[in-house]
N, C-alpha and C. Protein backbone atom coordinates (compact mmCIF):
# COMPACT_ATOMS: atom_id res chain seq x y z
N UNK A 1 12.68 3.33 13.27
CA UNK A 1 11.55 2.41 13.25
C UNK A 1 11.51 1.73 11.88
N UNK A 2 11.34 0.43 11.88
CA UNK A 2 11.30 -0.27 10.60
C UNK A 2 9.94 -0.11 9.93
N UNK A 3 9.90 -0.43 8.65
CA UNK A 3 8.71 -0.20 7.83
C UNK A 3 7.48 -0.89 8.39
N UNK A 4 7.63 -2.14 8.84
CA UNK A 4 6.47 -2.88 9.35
C UNK A 4 5.93 -2.25 10.63
N UNK A 5 6.81 -1.76 11.50
CA UNK A 5 6.35 -1.10 12.72
C UNK A 5 5.60 0.19 12.39
N UNK A 6 6.13 0.94 11.40
CA UNK A 6 5.44 2.16 10.96
C UNK A 6 4.03 1.81 10.46
N UNK A 7 3.94 0.76 9.64
CA UNK A 7 2.66 0.32 9.08
C UNK A 7 1.71 -0.05 10.19
N UNK A 8 2.18 -0.83 11.15
CA UNK A 8 1.31 -1.29 12.24
C UNK A 8 0.95 -0.17 13.22
N UNK A 9 1.70 0.94 13.19
CA UNK A 9 1.38 2.07 14.06
C UNK A 9 0.21 2.90 13.52
N UNK A 10 -0.15 2.66 12.26
CA UNK A 10 -1.30 3.33 11.65
C UNK A 10 -2.56 2.62 12.14
N UNK A 11 -3.60 3.37 12.54
CA UNK A 11 -4.83 2.71 13.01
C UNK A 11 -5.38 1.72 11.98
N UNK A 12 -5.95 0.62 12.50
CA UNK A 12 -6.42 -0.48 11.65
C UNK A 12 -7.40 -0.01 10.57
N UNK A 13 -8.33 0.88 10.92
CA UNK A 13 -9.32 1.36 9.95
C UNK A 13 -8.62 2.13 8.82
N UNK A 14 -7.62 2.93 9.18
CA UNK A 14 -6.89 3.71 8.18
C UNK A 14 -6.08 2.78 7.28
N UNK A 15 -5.45 1.75 7.85
CA UNK A 15 -4.71 0.78 7.04
C UNK A 15 -5.64 0.11 6.03
N UNK A 16 -6.84 -0.22 6.47
CA UNK A 16 -7.82 -0.86 5.60
C UNK A 16 -8.18 0.06 4.42
N UNK A 17 -8.37 1.35 4.70
CA UNK A 17 -8.68 2.32 3.64
C UNK A 17 -7.51 2.45 2.68
N UNK A 18 -6.29 2.50 3.21
CA UNK A 18 -5.10 2.64 2.36
C UNK A 18 -4.94 1.42 1.45
N UNK A 19 -5.18 0.23 1.99
CA UNK A 19 -5.04 -1.01 1.20
C UNK A 19 -6.06 -1.08 0.08
N UNK A 20 -7.23 -0.46 0.27
CA UNK A 20 -8.28 -0.55 -0.75
C UNK A 20 -8.30 0.68 -1.66
N UNK A 21 -7.24 1.49 -1.61
CA UNK A 21 -7.18 2.70 -2.44
C UNK A 21 -5.78 2.81 -3.08
N UNK A 22 -5.44 1.83 -3.90
CA UNK A 22 -4.16 1.78 -4.59
C UNK A 22 -4.43 1.87 -6.09
N UNK A 23 -3.73 2.75 -6.79
CA UNK A 23 -3.99 2.93 -8.22
C UNK A 23 -3.35 1.81 -9.04
N UNK A 24 -4.13 1.23 -9.93
CA UNK A 24 -3.64 0.22 -10.86
C UNK A 24 -3.64 0.82 -12.26
N UNK A 25 -2.46 0.87 -12.89
CA UNK A 25 -2.36 1.46 -14.24
C UNK A 25 -3.02 0.57 -15.30
N UNK A 26 -3.20 -0.71 -15.01
CA UNK A 26 -3.87 -1.60 -15.95
C UNK A 26 -5.39 -1.42 -15.87
N UNK A 27 -5.94 -1.40 -14.66
CA UNK A 27 -7.39 -1.23 -14.47
C UNK A 27 -7.81 0.24 -14.60
N UNK A 28 -6.84 1.15 -14.53
CA UNK A 28 -7.09 2.60 -14.59
C UNK A 28 -8.07 3.04 -13.50
N UNK A 29 -7.88 2.49 -12.29
CA UNK A 29 -8.78 2.79 -11.19
C UNK A 29 -8.10 2.49 -9.86
N UNK A 30 -8.73 2.93 -8.78
CA UNK A 30 -8.27 2.59 -7.44
C UNK A 30 -8.75 1.17 -7.13
N UNK A 31 -7.84 0.33 -6.68
CA UNK A 31 -8.14 -1.08 -6.42
C UNK A 31 -7.62 -1.47 -5.05
N UNK A 32 -7.89 -2.69 -4.66
CA UNK A 32 -7.35 -3.23 -3.41
C UNK A 32 -6.04 -3.94 -3.73
N UNK A 33 -5.05 -3.76 -2.86
CA UNK A 33 -3.76 -4.41 -3.02
C UNK A 33 -3.79 -5.74 -2.27
N UNK A 34 -3.16 -6.78 -2.86
CA UNK A 34 -3.09 -8.07 -2.18
C UNK A 34 -1.64 -8.57 -2.23
N UNK A 35 -1.33 -9.52 -1.38
CA UNK A 35 0.01 -10.12 -1.31
C UNK A 35 1.10 -9.05 -1.27
N UNK A 36 0.93 -8.06 -0.40
CA UNK A 36 1.87 -6.93 -0.40
C UNK A 36 2.94 -7.05 0.67
N UNK A 37 4.05 -6.36 0.39
CA UNK A 37 5.12 -6.20 1.37
C UNK A 37 5.17 -4.72 1.75
N UNK A 38 5.75 -4.44 2.90
CA UNK A 38 5.90 -3.07 3.39
C UNK A 38 7.39 -2.76 3.39
N UNK A 39 7.77 -1.70 2.66
CA UNK A 39 9.18 -1.35 2.54
C UNK A 39 9.42 0.09 2.96
N UNK A 40 10.61 0.35 3.51
CA UNK A 40 11.00 1.71 3.87
C UNK A 40 11.27 2.53 2.63
N UNK A 41 10.99 3.83 2.72
CA UNK A 41 11.26 4.77 1.65
C UNK A 41 11.68 6.08 2.31
N UNK A 42 12.42 6.92 1.60
CA UNK A 42 12.85 8.21 2.15
C UNK A 42 11.67 9.06 2.59
N UNK A 43 10.55 8.92 1.90
CA UNK A 43 9.37 9.74 2.20
C UNK A 43 8.41 9.08 3.18
N UNK A 44 8.61 7.81 3.50
CA UNK A 44 7.70 7.09 4.40
C UNK A 44 7.84 5.60 4.22
N UNK A 45 6.71 4.94 3.89
CA UNK A 45 6.72 3.51 3.60
C UNK A 45 5.99 3.26 2.29
N UNK A 46 6.32 2.15 1.65
CA UNK A 46 5.70 1.79 0.38
C UNK A 46 5.10 0.39 0.50
N UNK A 47 3.84 0.27 0.09
CA UNK A 47 3.21 -1.04 -0.02
C UNK A 47 3.42 -1.50 -1.45
N UNK A 48 4.01 -2.68 -1.64
CA UNK A 48 4.22 -3.23 -2.98
C UNK A 48 3.54 -4.59 -3.04
N UNK A 49 2.65 -4.74 -4.02
CA UNK A 49 1.93 -6.01 -4.14
C UNK A 49 1.25 -6.14 -5.48
N UNK A 50 0.13 -6.83 -5.48
CA UNK A 50 -0.61 -7.13 -6.71
C UNK A 50 -2.02 -6.53 -6.63
N UNK A 51 -2.53 -6.13 -7.81
CA UNK A 51 -3.91 -5.67 -7.93
C UNK A 51 -4.83 -6.85 -7.68
N UNK A 52 -5.83 -6.66 -6.83
CA UNK A 52 -6.77 -7.73 -6.53
C UNK A 52 -7.61 -8.11 -7.75
N UNK A 53 -7.82 -7.15 -8.66
CA UNK A 53 -8.67 -7.41 -9.82
C UNK A 53 -7.94 -8.10 -10.97
N UNK A 54 -6.74 -7.61 -11.33
CA UNK A 54 -6.08 -8.13 -12.53
C UNK A 54 -4.73 -8.80 -12.26
N UNK A 55 -4.17 -8.62 -11.07
CA UNK A 55 -2.89 -9.25 -10.75
C UNK A 55 -1.67 -8.45 -11.13
N UNK A 56 -1.85 -7.26 -11.72
CA UNK A 56 -0.74 -6.38 -12.09
C UNK A 56 0.00 -5.92 -10.84
N UNK A 57 1.32 -5.67 -10.95
CA UNK A 57 2.09 -5.09 -9.86
C UNK A 57 1.58 -3.69 -9.57
N UNK A 58 1.36 -3.39 -8.29
CA UNK A 58 0.94 -2.05 -7.86
C UNK A 58 1.74 -1.65 -6.63
N UNK A 59 1.78 -0.35 -6.36
CA UNK A 59 2.48 0.16 -5.18
C UNK A 59 1.75 1.40 -4.66
N UNK A 60 1.91 1.63 -3.36
CA UNK A 60 1.27 2.80 -2.73
C UNK A 60 2.26 3.40 -1.75
N UNK A 61 2.59 4.66 -1.93
CA UNK A 61 3.45 5.38 -1.00
C UNK A 61 2.60 5.96 0.12
N UNK A 62 3.03 5.74 1.35
CA UNK A 62 2.38 6.36 2.50
C UNK A 62 3.43 7.26 3.14
N UNK A 63 3.23 8.57 3.00
CA UNK A 63 4.23 9.53 3.45
C UNK A 63 4.23 9.66 4.96
N UNK A 64 5.44 9.98 5.48
CA UNK A 64 5.56 10.29 6.91
C UNK A 64 4.75 11.54 7.21
N UNK A 65 4.29 11.63 8.45
CA UNK A 65 3.53 12.83 8.84
C UNK A 65 4.46 13.99 9.07
């Protein structure tokens, strides 16, 4: 299964929570990710994008179950 299919297989409410709980090392807090891509990883999928607050690069690993 490709990364995007894995992402879309997660319930919409859960995806929304995951997108709004990404750590930004610049803001030193959990932020919302914007303009993100979904990529495959050995452990699951990775969201890579920008911090909604400051624009810094951020990423979030979502592990396979």
